[in-house]
Protein backbone atom coordinates (compact mmCIF):
# COMPACT_ATOMS: atom_id res chain seq x y z
CA MET A 1 27.17 -0.56 -16.86
CA ASP A 2 26.66 3.25 -17.48
CA GLU A 3 28.18 6.03 -15.20
CA GLU A 4 24.23 7.07 -13.84
CA THR A 5 23.52 3.22 -12.77
CA THR A 6 26.65 3.21 -11.37
CA SER A 7 26.61 6.18 -9.47
CA ARG A 8 22.61 5.59 -8.75
CA ASP A 9 23.87 2.14 -7.08
CA SER A 10 26.98 3.88 -4.99
CA PHE A 11 24.12 5.85 -3.83
CA ALA A 12 21.82 3.64 -3.07
CA ALA A 13 24.58 1.60 -0.58
CA THR A 14 24.64 4.43 1.51
CA SER A 15 21.01 5.68 1.22
CA PRO A 16 19.16 5.10 4.76
CA ASP A 17 15.81 5.20 2.40
CA THR A 18 16.95 3.61 -0.50
CA PRO A 19 15.06 -0.03 -0.34
CA SER A 20 17.86 -3.23 -0.79
CA SER A 21 15.27 -5.63 -0.36
CA PRO A 22 11.56 -6.03 -2.14
CA CYS A 23 10.63 -3.45 0.38
CA ASN A 24 12.07 -0.84 2.46
CA PRO A 25 14.29 -2.86 5.07
CA THR A 26 12.39 -1.40 8.38
CA SER A 27 12.75 -5.79 9.88
CA SER A 28 16.51 -6.50 11.42
CA SER A 29 16.97 -8.45 8.05
CA ILE A 30 16.72 -8.56 4.48
CA GLU A 31 15.22 -12.06 5.07
CA ASP A 32 12.31 -11.12 7.20
CA ASP A 33 11.48 -8.68 4.71
CA ARG A 34 11.42 -11.22 1.90
CA LYS A 35 9.64 -13.28 4.04
CA LEU A 36 7.01 -10.59 4.50
CA TYR A 37 6.25 -9.33 1.04
CA TYR A 38 6.13 -13.31 0.40
CA ASN A 39 3.65 -13.46 3.20
CA GLU A 40 1.28 -10.74 1.79
CA ALA A 41 1.87 -11.86 -2.14
CA LEU A 42 0.73 -15.38 -0.47
CA LYS A 43 -2.42 -14.02 1.65
CA GLY A 44 -3.56 -11.77 -1.57
CA GLY A 45 -3.73 -15.32 -3.23
CA PHE A 46 -5.60 -17.00 -1.36
CA ARG A 47 -7.98 -13.85 -1.31
CA GLY A 48 -8.10 -14.02 -4.78
CA ALA A 49 -8.49 -17.81 -4.53
CA LEU A 50 -11.52 -16.86 -2.27
CA LEU A 51 -13.08 -14.70 -4.91
CA ALA A 52 -12.31 -17.03 -7.86
CA ALA A 53 -14.18 -20.00 -5.57
CA ALA A 54 -17.52 -17.69 -5.07
CA ILE A 55 -17.40 -17.07 -9.13
CA THR A 56 -16.71 -20.51 -10.50
CA GLY A 57 -18.77 -21.72 -7.58
CA THR A 58 -22.18 -19.63 -8.42
CA SER A 59 -21.35 -19.70 -12.46
CA TYR A 60 -21.37 -23.92 -11.90
CA PHE A 61 -24.42 -24.13 -9.65
CA VAL A 62 -26.44 -21.58 -12.15
CA PHE A 63 -25.14 -23.14 -15.64
CA ALA A 64 -26.38 -26.61 -14.33
CA LYS A 65 -29.62 -25.90 -13.67
CA ARG A 66 -30.43 -23.39 -16.33
CA SER A 67 -28.46 -24.63 -18.67
CA PRO A 68 -28.92 -27.95 -20.65
CA THR A 69 -25.79 -27.81 -23.07
CA PHE A 70 -23.83 -26.51 -19.86
CA ARG A 71 -24.58 -30.17 -18.32
CA SER A 72 -23.92 -31.94 -21.50
CA LEU A 73 -20.00 -30.74 -21.68
CA PRO A 74 -17.10 -33.17 -20.38
CA LEU A 75 -15.99 -32.77 -16.84
CA PRO A 76 -12.46 -31.40 -18.56
CA ALA A 77 -14.00 -28.27 -20.43
CA LYS A 78 -15.88 -27.62 -16.85
CA ALA A 79 -12.78 -27.74 -14.84
CA PHE A 80 -11.18 -25.74 -17.74
CA ALA A 81 -13.65 -22.70 -17.39
CA GLY A 82 -13.21 -23.08 -13.38
CA VAL A 83 -9.22 -22.77 -14.34
CA VAL A 84 -9.48 -19.99 -16.93
CA ILE A 85 -11.07 -17.93 -13.82
CA SER A 86 -9.63 -19.10 -11.01
CA VAL A 87 -5.67 -18.63 -12.29
CA PRO A 88 -6.00 -14.88 -13.39
CA CYS A 89 -8.06 -13.93 -10.01
CA ILE A 90 -5.14 -16.01 -7.99
CA PHE A 91 -2.48 -13.89 -9.82
CA ILE A 92 -3.32 -10.61 -9.81
CA SER A 93 -4.57 -10.45 -6.24
CA ALA A 94 -1.39 -12.04 -5.13
CA GLU A 95 0.62 -9.30 -7.66
CA ARG A 96 -1.92 -6.28 -6.19
CA SER A 97 -1.06 -7.14 -1.97
CA ALA A 98 2.68 -7.94 -2.85
CA LEU A 99 2.70 -3.83 -4.18
CA ALA A 100 0.66 -2.58 -1.78
CA TYR A 101 2.82 -3.80 1.06
CA GLU A 102 6.00 -2.77 -0.68
CA ARG A 103 4.69 0.86 -1.09
CA ALA A 104 3.76 0.86 2.46
CA GLN A 105 7.00 0.25 3.75
CA TRP A 106 8.74 3.20 2.07
CA SER A 107 9.00 6.18 4.13
CA GLY A 108 11.57 9.13 4.56
CA VAL A 109 12.72 10.77 1.62
CA GLY A 110 11.88 7.63 -0.31
CA GLN A 111 8.35 8.74 0.21
CA LYS A 112 8.84 11.68 -1.22
CA GLU A 113 10.21 10.74 -3.78
CA ILE A 114 7.44 8.43 -4.63
CA GLU A 115 4.22 11.11 -4.11
CA ARG A 116 6.84 13.21 -6.59
CA ASN A 117 6.84 10.83 -8.98
CA LEU A 118 3.08 10.56 -8.80
CA GLU A 119 2.64 14.66 -9.25
CA ARG A 120 4.82 13.54 -12.30
CA GLN A 121 2.79 10.85 -13.66
CA SER A 122 -0.75 12.74 -12.96
CA GLU A 123 0.47 15.99 -14.29
CA LYS A 124 1.71 14.03 -17.73
CA TRP A 125 -1.86 12.13 -17.61
CA GLY A 126 -3.81 15.50 -17.61
CA LYS A 127 -1.96 17.01 -20.85
CA MET A 128 -2.69 13.81 -22.48
CA THR A 129 -5.58 13.68 -25.16
CA GLN A 130 -8.41 11.39 -25.08
CA MET A 131 -6.90 9.45 -27.72
CA GLU A 132 -3.53 9.33 -25.76
CA LYS A 133 -5.44 8.18 -22.97
CA ALA A 134 -6.91 5.60 -24.12
CA LYS A 135 -3.67 4.54 -26.14
CA ASN A 136 -1.35 4.79 -22.88
CA TRP A 137 -4.29 2.81 -20.91
CA ALA A 138 -4.59 -0.18 -23.11
CA SER A 139 -0.65 -0.64 -23.56
CA VAL A 140 -0.64 -0.77 -19.20
CA HIS A 141 -3.05 -3.41 -19.34
CA LYS A 142 -2.43 -5.23 -22.78
CA TYR A 143 -2.31 -8.56 -21.11
CA SER A 144 -5.21 -8.12 -18.95
CA LEU A 145 -7.10 -7.17 -22.55
CA ILE A 146 -5.67 -10.02 -24.75
CA SER A 147 -7.23 -12.46 -21.31
CA ALA A 148 -10.35 -11.45 -21.34
CA ALA A 149 -11.10 -10.73 -24.88
CA TRP A 150 -9.69 -14.62 -24.97
CA VAL A 151 -12.04 -15.44 -22.79
CA GLY A 152 -14.96 -13.62 -24.06
CA SER A 153 -14.47 -14.76 -27.11
CA LEU A 154 -14.50 -18.48 -26.29
CA GLY A 155 -17.70 -17.70 -24.61
CA LEU A 156 -19.09 -16.10 -27.42
CA ALA A 157 -17.85 -18.79 -30.20
CA PHE A 158 -18.93 -21.71 -28.47
CA GLY A 159 -22.28 -19.80 -27.74
CA ILE A 160 -22.67 -19.52 -31.81
CA VAL A 161 -21.53 -22.91 -33.29
CA ALA A 162 -23.33 -24.59 -30.58
CA ARG A 163 -26.50 -23.40 -31.99
CA ASN A 164 -25.24 -26.06 -35.10
CA PRO A 165 -27.30 -29.55 -34.12
CA TYR A 166 -24.83 -31.11 -37.15
CA GLN A 167 -22.45 -31.50 -34.22
CA SER A 168 -21.16 -32.85 -31.31
CA THR A 169 -20.53 -30.80 -28.19
CA ALA A 170 -17.08 -32.28 -28.28
CA GLN A 171 -16.55 -30.70 -31.46
CA LYS A 172 -18.53 -27.31 -31.21
CA ILE A 173 -15.74 -27.11 -27.72
CA VAL A 174 -12.62 -27.62 -30.55
CA GLN A 175 -14.47 -25.49 -33.03
CA ALA A 176 -15.05 -22.35 -30.37
CA ARG A 177 -11.22 -23.20 -29.33
CA MET A 178 -10.06 -22.19 -32.88
CA TRP A 179 -11.95 -19.29 -33.04
CA ALA A 180 -10.89 -18.13 -29.77
CA GLN A 181 -7.15 -18.85 -30.70
CA GLY A 182 -7.62 -17.07 -33.98
CA LEU A 183 -8.82 -13.62 -32.32
CA THR A 184 -6.20 -14.32 -29.60
CA VAL A 185 -3.20 -14.02 -32.78
CA GLY A 186 -4.59 -11.21 -34.14
CA LEU A 187 -4.89 -9.37 -30.62
CA LEU A 188 -1.50 -10.42 -29.72
CA VAL A 189 -0.22 -8.82 -33.30
CA GLY A 190 -2.51 -5.99 -32.61
CA GLY A 191 -1.20 -5.55 -28.79
CA ALA A 192 2.47 -5.59 -30.33
CA LEU A 193 2.17 -2.90 -32.88
CA LEU A 194 0.20 -0.75 -30.11
CA ALA A 195 3.23 -1.08 -27.91
CA GLY A 196 6.22 -0.78 -31.51
CA ALA A 197 3.72 3.00 -31.64
CA ASN A 198 4.29 4.05 -28.08
CA SER A 199 7.87 2.92 -28.10
CA ASN A 200 8.21 5.89 -30.45
CA PRO A 201 5.72 8.37 -29.31
CA PRO A 202 5.67 11.81 -31.90
CA ASP A 203 4.15 14.10 -28.85
CA GLU A 204 6.16 15.87 -25.87
CA PHE A 205 4.49 13.43 -23.31
CA SER A 206 5.92 10.69 -23.76
CA LYS A 207 9.61 11.13 -23.72
CA VAL A 208 12.08 8.81 -22.39
CA ARG A 209 14.43 10.59 -20.19
CA GLU A 210 17.65 10.43 -20.28
CA GLY A 211 18.61 8.59 -17.28
CA ASP A 212 17.29 7.95 -14.07
CA HIS A 213 17.86 10.75 -11.74
CA SER A 214 15.60 9.42 -8.81
CA TRP A 215 18.83 9.19 -6.92
CA ARG A 216 19.67 12.39 -7.30
CA ASP A 217 16.32 13.95 -6.75
CA ILE A 218 16.59 11.76 -3.34
CA LEU A 219 19.62 13.42 -2.24
CA GLU A 220 18.31 16.92 -3.13
CA LEU A 221 15.46 16.68 -0.78
CA ASP A 222 17.95 16.02 1.99
CA GLU A 223 17.62 19.60 4.25
CA HIS A 224 21.21 19.10 5.64
CA LEU A 225 22.70 19.89 2.38
CA THR A 226 24.48 23.20 2.08
CA LYS A 227 23.69 25.81 -1.07
CA GLU A 228 27.36 24.65 -2.38
CA GLU A 229 26.15 20.99 -2.89
CA ARG A 230 23.23 21.58 -3.86
CA ALA A 231 24.90 23.11 -6.50
CA GLN A 232 27.28 20.44 -7.07
CA LEU A 233 24.52 17.84 -7.92
CA HIS A 234 23.43 19.50 -10.76
CA GLY A 235 25.51 18.16 -13.97
CA ASN A 236 27.37 15.76 -11.62
CA ALA A 237 27.39 12.28 -12.32
CA ASP A 238 30.37 11.09 -10.29
CA PRO A 239 29.61 8.68 -7.73
CA LYS A 240 32.81 9.27 -5.74
CA LYS A 241 31.64 12.91 -5.43
CA LEU A 242 28.01 12.44 -4.74
CA LYS A 243 28.96 10.02 -2.00
CA GLU A 244 30.90 12.16 -0.14
CA ILE A 245 27.95 15.02 -0.34
CA HIS A 246 25.66 12.17 0.92
CA GLU A 247 28.15 11.22 3.93
CA ALA A 248 28.56 15.27 4.68
CA ALA A 249 24.94 15.31 5.12
CA LEU A 250 24.51 12.24 7.46
CA LYS A 251 27.78 13.67 9.38
CA ARG A 252 25.68 16.83 10.14
CA LYS A 253 22.36 14.89 10.66
CA ALA A 254 24.55 13.30 13.23
CA ALA A 255 26.06 16.12 14.77
CA ALA A 256 22.04 17.70 15.17
CA GLY A 257 21.08 14.77 16.99
CA LYS A 258 18.24 13.54 14.51
CA PRO A 259 18.46 10.15 13.18
């Protein structure tokens, strides 16, 4: 563990606004926070399941009524199509609900740090070219793009091979799956190349900051720091000294009668 990580952990142990659980601990215990966090994830997953049921149910009745090819598919193939749609809906919805709940629990200087990071990201995004924005977006959403491309290629491939009157339905499904798997391998290779290209960017906008200084940014937002203490924050990575500065600010805050 490096010095930056050690100093940050030391500060996090004494900071009232730094989360020690999946969300900021505003309840009586970390266990209660975890239960609330997972409950929100379960609620999001349930909403995703309802959405998936609406999509798959509607699609099933439409295709069963209008497509003889769909009606001729074996039950496992129909079930597989439902799984392909349902699983991403459930997991994506659950993850988004959990993250939204986590962000909502931040308060005080923690919330200010989140807002500051959002401003930095917005400023960085505004300075990017259209090509850089496209690469960044594709890199962040590469797994969603790969999943969507796999589902789309499976449907497209089956639509093409379904025109062959000399193959059975089972043979058409196998051939469509092989085409989709081949395209997916190509997309995975492309995603790996894209990730490798973004890992060592030539421009100044994607350079990785050396060390994580979010703990220092949070401490600088404390209005009870003196000018001398603020000056000591810059260039100081000693966790003991930073802890002393933080404790001194807490004492002045308590003396002033502020929570």
